[in-house]
Amino acid sequence: MTFPSAPGPSEVQRYQQSTAIAAPGAITQESIEFPVFLKNVAQASPEQIFSYAKALKAAGYLRGKVTNKYTPALQNAFGLLERDRLSLKNVMGDIERNSFLLSQVQNAGTGEGEARKPYIQKQVSTKNQARGTINQIFQDLLGRGPTQSEFDKYFSLLVKKQEASPQKTTYTPGPGGATVATTTGGLDSGEYLFQQIAKTDEAKANKVFGFYDIFKKALGVD
C-alpha cells in the first residue's frame, strides 16, 4: 500500500496491513494545510488513491466502494479522519496524517466494510471552568456568592451529571456516498446548575433575579 508524498520528489513507502503496520516515512507532514494535503491526494496516481481508499475503508471512515478515483465520498472520509486526528492533538500532540491513518487501520483490524463504532466524548468541567458559572447563578438567584461548601456541592453534582451525559456521535450513510455524523447528548451546564440552585428555599424566597430569570419562568420555578 502506498501513499503520495508532500510537494516535491515523490517518496512512497509500502506497508503491510497485518498485525504490524509500518509507519510511513517522510510523507505529508503536519505543517501542510489540510486543503493542500487533499490536493496532493487528488493529483496522485490511481494506485496511490486506491491505497488511501482501501485504508480509509479498513479504518471505517469510507462508506461505499473502494475505487482508484478521487470522489466526494473519499474526501468526506478524509474529513472525518482529520477531525479525529485534531481531536487528539491537545492530548497527544501533532500526529502526522498518514501515521494516524495507519494507526486507525490497526485499531480497527482488517475487516473491510466494518461500520465505524460510535464516537463518545465526555466533557467534564474543571473547578476553574465551573467557578464562573456557579458564581454568576448564585449572584442572580441569591444576590451573593457561594460558600466553599456550596461550591463544592454544586461542582460535585455538575461533574457527576457530565460524566453520565456524554456526547455520542453515530455515522450513517448519506446521499452521494457521504457519511452523515449525528451528535446527540451532552449537557447544558448553566441550565443544569440553575435548576439545582433554584430548588433551594433561599432561591425561591429571594426576589433578585437577573440573567437567569428567563430560565426560572420557563422551568416553572416559583
C-alpha atoms as a PDB file:
ATOM      1  CA  MET A   1       0.000   0.000   0.000  1.00  0.00           C
ATOM      2  CA  THR A   2       1.464   3.363  -0.954  1.00  0.00           C
ATOM      3  CA  PHE A   3       0.750   6.983  -0.144  1.00  0.00           C
ATOM      4  CA  PRO A   4       1.586  10.182  -2.042  1.00  0.00           C
ATOM      5  CA  SER A   5       4.295  12.458  -0.696  1.00  0.00           C
ATOM      6  CA  ALA A   6       4.364  16.155   0.075  1.00  0.00           C
ATOM      7  CA  PRO A   7       5.052  18.591  -2.819  1.00  0.00           C
ATOM      8  CA  GLY A   8       8.413  17.769  -4.381  1.00  0.00           C
ATOM      9  CA  PRO A   9      10.045  14.463  -5.361  1.00  0.00           C
ATOM     10  CA  SER A  10       7.772  11.510  -4.720  1.00  0.00           C
ATOM     11  CA  GLU A  11       8.674   9.351  -1.757  1.00  0.00           C
ATOM     12  CA  VAL A  12       6.368   6.372  -1.354  1.00  0.00           C
ATOM     13  CA  GLN A  13       6.604   3.648   1.241  1.00  0.00           C
ATOM     14  CA  ARG A  14       4.768   0.315   1.406  1.00  0.00           C
ATOM     15  CA  TYR A  15       3.210  -1.171   4.466  1.00  0.00           C
ATOM     16  CA  GLN A  16       1.510  -4.468   5.173  1.00  0.00           C
ATOM     17  CA  GLN A  17      -1.967  -4.499   6.649  1.00  0.00           C
ATOM     18  CA  SER A  18      -1.381  -7.248   9.189  1.00  0.00           C
ATOM     19  CA  THR A  19      -0.517  -7.471  12.860  1.00  0.00           C
ATOM     20  CA  ALA A  20       2.322  -4.990  12.329  1.00  0.00           C
ATOM     21  CA  ILE A  21       1.840  -1.977  10.074  1.00  0.00           C
ATOM     22  CA  ALA A  22       4.896   0.021   9.144  1.00  0.00           C
ATOM     23  CA  ALA A  23       4.562   3.759   9.705  1.00  0.00           C
ATOM     24  CA  PRO A  24       5.212   5.914   6.624  1.00  0.00           C
ATOM     25  CA  GLY A  25       8.460   7.805   6.318  1.00  0.00           C
ATOM     26  CA  ALA A  26       8.842  11.405   5.188  1.00  0.00           C
ATOM     27  CA  ILE A  27       5.368  11.745   3.749  1.00  0.00           C
ATOM     28  CA  THR A  28       2.756  14.517   4.097  1.00  0.00           C
ATOM     29  CA  GLN A  29       3.702  16.424   7.248  1.00  0.00           C
ATOM     30  CA  GLU A  30       1.555  18.254   9.794  1.00  0.00           C
ATOM     31  CA  SER A  31       2.851  21.608   8.541  1.00  0.00           C
ATOM     32  CA  ILE A  32       0.981  21.133   5.240  1.00  0.00           C
ATOM     33  CA  GLU A  33      -2.515  22.613   5.326  1.00  0.00           C
ATOM     34  CA  PHE A  34      -5.380  20.142   5.002  1.00  0.00           C
ATOM     35  CA  PRO A  35      -6.654  21.521   1.640  1.00  0.00           C
ATOM     36  CA  VAL A  36      -3.127  21.158   0.213  1.00  0.00           C
ATOM     37  CA  PHE A  37      -2.975  17.607   1.519  1.00  0.00           C
ATOM     38  CA  LEU A  38      -6.264  16.809  -0.242  1.00  0.00           C
ATOM     39  CA  LYS A  39      -4.969  18.390  -3.454  1.00  0.00           C
ATOM     40  CA  ASN A  40      -1.871  16.185  -3.279  1.00  0.00           C
ATOM     41  CA  VAL A  41      -4.054  13.114  -2.938  1.00  0.00           C
ATOM     42  CA  ALA A  42      -6.316  14.182  -5.802  1.00  0.00           C
ATOM     43  CA  GLN A  43      -3.265  14.588  -8.053  1.00  0.00           C
ATOM     44  CA  ALA A  44      -1.711  11.268  -7.012  1.00  0.00           C
ATOM     45  CA  SER A  45      -1.650   8.156  -9.196  1.00  0.00           C
ATOM     46  CA  PRO A  46      -4.712   5.874  -9.341  1.00  0.00           C
ATOM     47  CA  GLU A  47      -2.743   3.241  -7.414  1.00  0.00           C
ATOM     48  CA  GLN A  48      -1.979   5.664  -4.590  1.00  0.00           C
ATOM     49  CA  ILE A  49      -5.589   6.890  -4.426  1.00  0.00           C
ATOM     50  CA  PHE A  50      -6.743   3.272  -4.270  1.00  0.00           C
ATOM     51  CA  SER A  51      -4.342   2.644  -1.376  1.00  0.00           C
ATOM     52  CA  TYR A  52      -5.768   5.585   0.548  1.00  0.00           C
ATOM     53  CA  ALA A  53      -9.340   4.478  -0.173  1.00  0.00           C
ATOM     54  CA  LYS A  54      -8.581   0.944   0.999  1.00  0.00           C
ATOM     55  CA  ALA A  55      -7.000   2.200   4.227  1.00  0.00           C
ATOM     56  CA  LEU A  56      -9.890   4.589   4.930  1.00  0.00           C
ATOM     57  CA  LYS A  57     -12.339   1.753   4.304  1.00  0.00           C
ATOM     58  CA  ALA A  58     -10.445  -0.569   6.650  1.00  0.00           C
ATOM     59  CA  ALA A  59     -10.398   2.149   9.329  1.00  0.00           C
ATOM     60  CA  GLY A  60     -14.173   2.591   8.986  1.00  0.00           C
ATOM     61  CA  TYR A  61     -14.156   6.115   7.538  1.00  0.00           C
ATOM     62  CA  LEU A  62     -15.099   5.390   3.919  1.00  0.00           C
ATOM     63  CA  ARG A  63     -18.613   4.319   3.051  1.00  0.00           C
ATOM     64  CA  GLY A  64     -19.249   2.558  -0.225  1.00  0.00           C
ATOM     65  CA  LYS A  65     -16.963   1.053  -2.826  1.00  0.00           C
ATOM     66  CA  VAL A  66     -13.172   1.336  -2.818  1.00  0.00           C
ATOM     67  CA  THR A  67     -12.036   2.859  -6.128  1.00  0.00           C
ATOM     68  CA  ASN A  68      -8.912   4.452  -7.604  1.00  0.00           C
ATOM     69  CA  LYS A  69     -10.669   7.778  -8.193  1.00  0.00           C
ATOM     70  CA  TYR A  70     -10.835  10.874  -6.008  1.00  0.00           C
ATOM     71  CA  THR A  71     -14.543  11.130  -5.138  1.00  0.00           C
ATOM     72  CA  PRO A  72     -16.754  13.161  -2.765  1.00  0.00           C
ATOM     73  CA  ALA A  73     -17.057  10.040  -0.599  1.00  0.00           C
ATOM     74  CA  LEU A  74     -13.271   9.786  -0.345  1.00  0.00           C
ATOM     75  CA  GLN A  75     -12.926  13.478   0.518  1.00  0.00           C
ATOM     76  CA  ASN A  76     -15.635  13.129   3.162  1.00  0.00           C
ATOM     77  CA  ALA A  77     -13.766  10.168   4.658  1.00  0.00           C
ATOM     78  CA  PHE A  78     -10.588  12.273   4.863  1.00  0.00           C
ATOM     79  CA  GLY A  79     -12.610  14.979   6.624  1.00  0.00           C
ATOM     80  CA  LEU A  80     -13.726  12.531   9.316  1.00  0.00           C
ATOM     81  CA  LEU A  81     -10.171  11.272   9.720  1.00  0.00           C
ATOM     82  CA  GLU A  82      -8.842  14.832  10.081  1.00  0.00           C
ATOM     83  CA  ARG A  83     -11.473  15.672  12.683  1.00  0.00           C
ATOM     84  CA  ASP A  84     -10.480  12.663  14.801  1.00  0.00           C
ATOM     85  CA  ARG A  85      -6.769  13.467  14.403  1.00  0.00           C
ATOM     86  CA  LEU A  86      -7.255  17.056  15.564  1.00  0.00           C
ATOM     87  CA  SER A  87      -9.457  15.965  18.482  1.00  0.00           C
ATOM     88  CA  LEU A  88      -6.433  14.132  19.932  1.00  0.00           C
ATOM     89  CA  LYS A  89      -3.950  16.913  19.215  1.00  0.00           C
ATOM     90  CA  ASN A  90      -4.225  18.624  22.627  1.00  0.00           C
ATOM     91  CA  VAL A  91      -3.607  15.296  24.380  1.00  0.00           C
ATOM     92  CA  MET A  92      -1.119  13.506  22.143  1.00  0.00           C
ATOM     93  CA  GLY A  93       0.460  16.389  20.220  1.00  0.00           C
ATOM     94  CA  ASP A  94       0.799  16.577  16.456  1.00  0.00           C
ATOM     95  CA  ILE A  95       0.232  13.261  14.729  1.00  0.00           C
ATOM     96  CA  GLU A  96       1.325  13.051  11.094  1.00  0.00           C
ATOM     97  CA  ARG A  97      -1.723  12.306   8.948  1.00  0.00           C
ATOM     98  CA  ASN A  98      -0.540   9.113   7.312  1.00  0.00           C
ATOM     99  CA  SER A  99       0.756   7.734  10.608  1.00  0.00           C
ATOM    100  CA  PHE A 100      -2.608   8.475  12.206  1.00  0.00           C
ATOM    101  CA  LEU A 101      -4.437   6.730   9.362  1.00  0.00           C
ATOM    102  CA  LEU A 102      -2.239   3.642   9.738  1.00  0.00           C
ATOM    103  CA  SER A 103      -2.899   3.554  13.467  1.00  0.00           C
ATOM    104  CA  GLN A 104      -6.642   3.750  12.830  1.00  0.00           C
ATOM    105  CA  VAL A 105      -6.402   0.848  10.398  1.00  0.00           C
ATOM    106  CA  GLN A 106      -4.519  -1.169  13.002  1.00  0.00           C
ATOM    107  CA  ASN A 107      -7.039  -0.330  15.715  1.00  0.00           C
ATOM    108  CA  ALA A 108      -9.971  -1.276  13.503  1.00  0.00           C
ATOM    109  CA  GLY A 109      -8.458  -4.601  12.462  1.00  0.00           C
ATOM    110  CA  THR A 110      -8.526  -5.914   8.933  1.00  0.00           C
ATOM    111  CA  GLY A 111     -12.296  -6.253   8.462  1.00  0.00           C
ATOM    112  CA  GLU A 112     -13.034  -4.108   5.428  1.00  0.00           C
ATOM    113  CA  GLY A 113     -16.551  -2.764   5.339  1.00  0.00           C
ATOM    114  CA  GLU A 114     -16.830  -2.793   9.107  1.00  0.00           C
ATOM    115  CA  ALA A 115     -19.056   0.054  10.275  1.00  0.00           C
ATOM    116  CA  ARG A 116     -17.464   2.759  12.397  1.00  0.00           C
ATOM    117  CA  LYS A 117     -18.198   2.450  16.048  1.00  0.00           C
ATOM    118  CA  PRO A 118     -19.966   5.380  17.724  1.00  0.00           C
ATOM    119  CA  TYR A 119     -17.657   8.143  18.945  1.00  0.00           C
ATOM    120  CA  ILE A 120     -18.347   9.038  22.581  1.00  0.00           C
ATOM    121  CA  GLN A 121     -16.915  12.179  24.160  1.00  0.00           C
ATOM    122  CA  LYS A 122     -17.237  13.290  27.771  1.00  0.00           C
ATOM    123  CA  GLN A 123     -16.817  16.979  28.563  1.00  0.00           C
ATOM    124  CA  VAL A 124     -16.103  17.327  32.284  1.00  0.00           C
ATOM    125  CA  SER A 125     -15.531  20.778  33.782  1.00  0.00           C
ATOM    126  CA  THR A 126     -12.589  21.703  35.956  1.00  0.00           C
ATOM    127  CA  LYS A 127     -13.146  23.765  39.098  1.00  0.00           C
ATOM    128  CA  ASN A 128     -11.869  26.877  37.357  1.00  0.00           C
ATOM    129  CA  GLN A 129     -14.249  26.354  34.426  1.00  0.00           C
ATOM    130  CA  ALA A 130     -17.246  25.822  36.709  1.00  0.00           C
ATOM    131  CA  ARG A 131     -16.477  28.601  39.179  1.00  0.00           C
ATOM    132  CA  GLY A 132     -17.614  31.474  36.965  1.00  0.00           C
ATOM    133  CA  THR A 133     -20.926  29.810  36.102  1.00  0.00           C
ATOM    134  CA  ILE A 134     -21.712  28.849  39.703  1.00  0.00           C
ATOM    135  CA  ASN A 135     -20.776  32.316  40.990  1.00  0.00           C
ATOM    136  CA  GLN A 136     -22.995  34.021  38.398  1.00  0.00           C
ATOM    137  CA  ILE A 137     -26.033  31.857  39.163  1.00  0.00           C
ATOM    138  CA  PHE A 138     -25.644  32.439  42.904  1.00  0.00           C
ATOM    139  CA  GLN A 139     -25.417  36.195  42.345  1.00  0.00           C
ATOM    140  CA  ASP A 140     -28.500  36.204  40.096  1.00  0.00           C
ATOM    141  CA  LEU A 141     -30.639  33.955  42.261  1.00  0.00           C
ATOM    142  CA  LEU A 142     -29.431  34.786  45.776  1.00  0.00           C
ATOM    143  CA  GLY A 143     -27.627  38.109  45.438  1.00  0.00           C
ATOM    144  CA  ARG A 144     -24.440  36.634  46.890  1.00  0.00           C
ATOM    145  CA  GLY A 145     -21.584  34.303  46.029  1.00  0.00           C
ATOM    146  CA  PRO A 146     -21.454  30.659  47.115  1.00  0.00           C
ATOM    147  CA  THR A 147     -19.698  29.500  50.240  1.00  0.00           C
ATOM    148  CA  GLN A 148     -16.892  26.982  49.752  1.00  0.00           C
ATOM    149  CA  SER A 149     -19.143  24.115  50.833  1.00  0.00           C
ATOM    150  CA  GLU A 150     -21.877  25.248  48.449  1.00  0.00           C
ATOM    151  CA  PHE A 151     -19.420  25.497  45.583  1.00  0.00           C
ATOM    152  CA  ASP A 152     -18.048  22.039  46.332  1.00  0.00           C
ATOM    153  CA  LYS A 153     -21.577  20.621  46.463  1.00  0.00           C
ATOM    154  CA  TYR A 154     -22.710  22.004  43.110  1.00  0.00           C
ATOM    155  CA  PHE A 155     -19.399  21.322  41.415  1.00  0.00           C
ATOM    156  CA  SER A 156     -19.639  17.693  42.506  1.00  0.00           C
ATOM    157  CA  LEU A 157     -23.221  17.474  41.183  1.00  0.00           C
ATOM    158  CA  LEU A 158     -22.140  19.008  37.869  1.00  0.00           C
ATOM    159  CA  VAL A 159     -19.232  16.606  37.339  1.00  0.00           C
ATOM    160  CA  LYS A 160     -21.398  13.562  38.122  1.00  0.00           C
ATOM    161  CA  LYS A 161     -24.056  14.770  35.667  1.00  0.00           C
ATOM    162  CA  GLN A 162     -21.464  15.463  32.958  1.00  0.00           C
ATOM    163  CA  GLU A 163     -19.955  12.004  33.435  1.00  0.00           C
ATOM    164  CA  ALA A 164     -23.420  10.494  32.970  1.00  0.00           C
ATOM    165  CA  SER A 165     -24.296  12.674  29.940  1.00  0.00           C
ATOM    166  CA  PRO A 166     -21.618  12.166  27.268  1.00  0.00           C
ATOM    167  CA  GLN A 167     -21.976  13.272  23.680  1.00  0.00           C
ATOM    168  CA  LYS A 168     -22.383  10.388  21.238  1.00  0.00           C
ATOM    169  CA  THR A 169     -21.682  10.668  17.514  1.00  0.00           C
ATOM    170  CA  THR A 170     -23.043   7.996  15.189  1.00  0.00           C
ATOM    171  CA  TYR A 171     -22.318   7.583  11.489  1.00  0.00           C
ATOM    172  CA  THR A 172     -24.875   6.657   8.844  1.00  0.00           C
ATOM    173  CA  PRO A 173     -24.726   6.512   5.028  1.00  0.00           C
ATOM    174  CA  GLY A 174     -25.825   9.706   3.323  1.00  0.00           C
ATOM    175  CA  PRO A 175     -26.534  10.851  -0.229  1.00  0.00           C
ATOM    176  CA  GLY A 176     -23.799  10.574  -2.812  1.00  0.00           C
ATOM    177  CA  GLY A 177     -21.748   8.150  -0.758  1.00  0.00           C
ATOM    178  CA  ALA A 178     -21.256  10.685   2.034  1.00  0.00           C
ATOM    179  CA  THR A 179     -21.216   9.773   5.707  1.00  0.00           C
ATOM    180  CA  VAL A 180     -23.612  11.660   7.983  1.00  0.00           C
ATOM    181  CA  ALA A 181     -22.325  12.246  11.531  1.00  0.00           C
ATOM    182  CA  THR A 182     -25.084  12.852  14.098  1.00  0.00           C
ATOM    183  CA  THR A 183     -24.171  14.058  17.602  1.00  0.00           C
ATOM    184  CA  THR A 184     -26.608  13.697  20.497  1.00  0.00           C
ATOM    185  CA  GLY A 185     -26.448  14.060  24.264  1.00  0.00           C
ATOM    186  CA  GLY A 186     -24.162  16.314  26.199  1.00  0.00           C
ATOM    187  CA  LEU A 187     -25.158  18.722  28.949  1.00  0.00           C
ATOM    188  CA  ASP A 188     -26.047  22.409  29.152  1.00  0.00           C
ATOM    189  CA  SER A 189     -24.053  23.060  32.327  1.00  0.00           C
ATOM    190  CA  GLY A 190     -25.504  26.503  33.002  1.00  0.00           C
ATOM    191  CA  GLU A 191     -29.118  25.376  32.778  1.00  0.00           C
ATOM    192  CA  TYR A 192     -28.448  22.270  34.858  1.00  0.00           C
ATOM    193  CA  LEU A 193     -26.794  24.275  37.653  1.00  0.00           C
ATOM    194  CA  PHE A 194     -29.584  26.845  37.561  1.00  0.00           C
ATOM    195  CA  GLN A 195     -32.187  24.121  38.033  1.00  0.00           C
ATOM    196  CA  GLN A 196     -30.326  22.698  41.023  1.00  0.00           C
ATOM    197  CA  ILE A 197     -29.685  26.017  42.785  1.00  0.00           C
ATOM    198  CA  ALA A 198     -33.183  27.371  42.028  1.00  0.00           C
ATOM    199  CA  LYS A 199     -34.694  24.476  44.001  1.00  0.00           C
ATOM    200  CA  THR A 200     -33.319  25.776  47.295  1.00  0.00           C
ATOM    201  CA  ASP A 201     -35.653  27.528  49.720  1.00  0.00           C
ATOM    202  CA  GLU A 202     -33.374  30.569  49.732  1.00  0.00           C
ATOM    203  CA  ALA A 203     -33.637  30.912  45.949  1.00  0.00           C
ATOM    204  CA  LYS A 204     -37.421  30.552  45.987  1.00  0.00           C
ATOM    205  CA  ALA A 205     -37.735  33.208  48.690  1.00  0.00           C
ATOM    206  CA  ASN A 206     -35.328  35.650  47.013  1.00  0.00           C
ATOM    207  CA  LYS A 207     -36.774  38.150  44.533  1.00  0.00           C
ATOM    208  CA  VAL A 208     -33.440  39.145  42.967  1.00  0.00           C
ATOM    209  CA  PHE A 209     -33.341  37.526  39.531  1.00  0.00           C
ATOM    210  CA  GLY A 210     -31.002  38.632  36.807  1.00  0.00           C
ATOM    211  CA  PHE A 211     -29.745  36.856  33.721  1.00  0.00           C
ATOM    212  CA  TYR A 212     -31.377  33.523  34.600  1.00  0.00           C
ATOM    213  CA  ASP A 213     -34.872  34.869  35.232  1.00  0.00           C
ATOM    214  CA  ILE A 214     -35.986  33.606  31.829  1.00  0.00           C
ATOM    215  CA  PHE A 215     -34.983  30.081  32.850  1.00  0.00           C
ATOM    216  CA  LYS A 216     -36.958  30.440  36.071  1.00  0.00           C
ATOM    217  CA  LYS A 217     -40.115  31.258  34.148  1.00  0.00           C
ATOM    218  CA  ALA A 218     -39.547  28.550  31.553  1.00  0.00           C
ATOM    219  CA  LEU A 219     -38.912  25.889  34.211  1.00  0.00           C
ATOM    220  CA  GLY A 220     -41.840  26.961  36.382  1.00  0.00           C
ATOM    221  CA  VAL A 221     -39.720  27.624  39.454  1.00  0.00           C
ATOM    222  CA  ASP A 222     -41.685  29.803  41.894  1.00  0.00           C
END
